[in-house]
């Protein structure tokens, strides 16, 4: 009985980790898109005298 509960608990944990990893992939993709857009806006602003799109 304890082994069955342990297996069920592990299945729940691994299912939750799988969902979390999938969410983290979407977050990483959004960060990548924002980062690439920063390069596009930086190159467009470089002609106007501003070479950086960030403060530091």
C-alpha atoms as a PDB file:
ATOM      1  CA  UNK A   1       0.000   0.000   0.000  1.00  0.00           C
ATOM      2  CA  UNK A   2       2.796   2.421   0.845  1.00  0.00           C
ATOM      3  CA  UNK A   3       4.560   1.611  -2.430  1.00  0.00           C
ATOM      4  CA  UNK A   4       1.375   2.370  -4.366  1.00  0.00           C
ATOM      5  CA  UNK A   5       1.018   5.726  -2.615  1.00  0.00           C
ATOM      6  CA  UNK A   6       4.674   6.508  -3.306  1.00  0.00           C
ATOM      7  CA  UNK A   7       4.258   5.703  -7.009  1.00  0.00           C
ATOM      8  CA  UNK A   8       1.133   7.867  -7.213  1.00  0.00           C
ATOM      9  CA  UNK A   9       2.915  10.708  -5.438  1.00  0.00           C
ATOM     10  CA  UNK A  10       5.859  10.467  -7.846  1.00  0.00           C
ATOM     11  CA  UNK A  11       3.474  10.473 -10.824  1.00  0.00           C
ATOM     12  CA  UNK A  12       1.806  13.645  -9.536  1.00  0.00           C
ATOM     13  CA  UNK A  13       5.168  15.326  -8.923  1.00  0.00           C
ATOM     14  CA  UNK A  14       6.485  14.436 -12.374  1.00  0.00           C
ATOM     15  CA  UNK A  15       3.267  15.587 -14.043  1.00  0.00           C
ATOM     16  CA  UNK A  16       3.561  18.925 -12.224  1.00  0.00           C
ATOM     17  CA  UNK A  17       7.211  19.253 -13.244  1.00  0.00           C
ATOM     18  CA  UNK A  18       6.302  18.557 -16.846  1.00  0.00           C
ATOM     19  CA  UNK A  19       3.704  21.323 -16.780  1.00  0.00           C
ATOM     20  CA  UNK A  20       6.188  23.709 -15.137  1.00  0.00           C
ATOM     21  CA  UNK A  21       8.843  22.962 -17.752  1.00  0.00           C
ATOM     22  CA  UNK A  22       6.333  23.642 -20.524  1.00  0.00           C
ATOM     23  CA  UNK A  23       5.405  26.985 -18.939  1.00  0.00           C
ATOM     24  CA  UNK A  24       9.084  27.880 -18.544  1.00  0.00           C
ATOM     25  CA  UNK A  25       9.663  27.208 -22.261  1.00  0.00           C
ATOM     26  CA  UNK A  26       6.927  29.724 -23.127  1.00  0.00           C
ATOM     27  CA  UNK A  27       8.440  32.276 -20.720  1.00  0.00           C
ATOM     28  CA  UNK A  28      11.882  31.742 -22.270  1.00  0.00           C
ATOM     29  CA  UNK A  29      10.417  32.218 -25.749  1.00  0.00           C
ATOM     30  CA  UNK A  30       8.750  35.491 -24.700  1.00  0.00           C
ATOM     31  CA  UNK A  31      12.022  36.763 -23.203  1.00  0.00           C
ATOM     32  CA  UNK A  32      13.857  35.846 -26.403  1.00  0.00           C
ATOM     33  CA  UNK A  33      11.341  37.778 -28.525  1.00  0.00           C
ATOM     34  CA  UNK A  34      11.630  40.842 -26.271  1.00  0.00           C
ATOM     35  CA  UNK A  35      15.419  40.612 -26.397  1.00  0.00           C
ATOM     36  CA  UNK A  36      15.423  40.424 -30.205  1.00  0.00           C
ATOM     37  CA  UNK A  37      12.994  43.343 -30.422  1.00  0.00           C
ATOM     38  CA  UNK A  38      15.425  45.317 -28.296  1.00  0.00           C
ATOM     39  CA  UNK A  39      18.126  44.806 -30.904  1.00  0.00           C
ATOM     40  CA  UNK A  40      15.755  45.931 -33.665  1.00  0.00           C
ATOM     41  CA  UNK A  41      14.765  49.098 -31.798  1.00  0.00           C
ATOM     42  CA  UNK A  42      18.380  49.787 -30.857  1.00  0.00           C
ATOM     43  CA  UNK A  43      19.491  49.668 -34.481  1.00  0.00           C
ATOM     44  CA  UNK A  44      16.610  51.963 -35.474  1.00  0.00           C
ATOM     45  CA  UNK A  45      17.502  54.456 -32.719  1.00  0.00           C
ATOM     46  CA  UNK A  46      21.232  54.373 -33.484  1.00  0.00           C
ATOM     47  CA  UNK A  47      20.693  56.671 -36.458  1.00  0.00           C
ATOM     48  CA  UNK A  48      19.030  59.218 -34.179  1.00  0.00           C
ATOM     49  CA  UNK A  49      22.022  59.477 -31.863  1.00  0.00           C
ATOM     50  CA  UNK A  50      20.991  56.993 -29.200  1.00  0.00           C
ATOM     51  CA  UNK A  51      23.000  53.812 -29.369  1.00  0.00           C
ATOM     52  CA  UNK A  52      21.477  51.951 -26.432  1.00  0.00           C
ATOM     53  CA  UNK A  53      17.926  50.834 -25.672  1.00  0.00           C
ATOM     54  CA  UNK A  54      18.718  50.112 -22.026  1.00  0.00           C
ATOM     55  CA  UNK A  55      19.806  52.440 -19.200  1.00  0.00           C
ATOM     56  CA  UNK A  56      22.975  50.778 -17.994  1.00  0.00           C
END
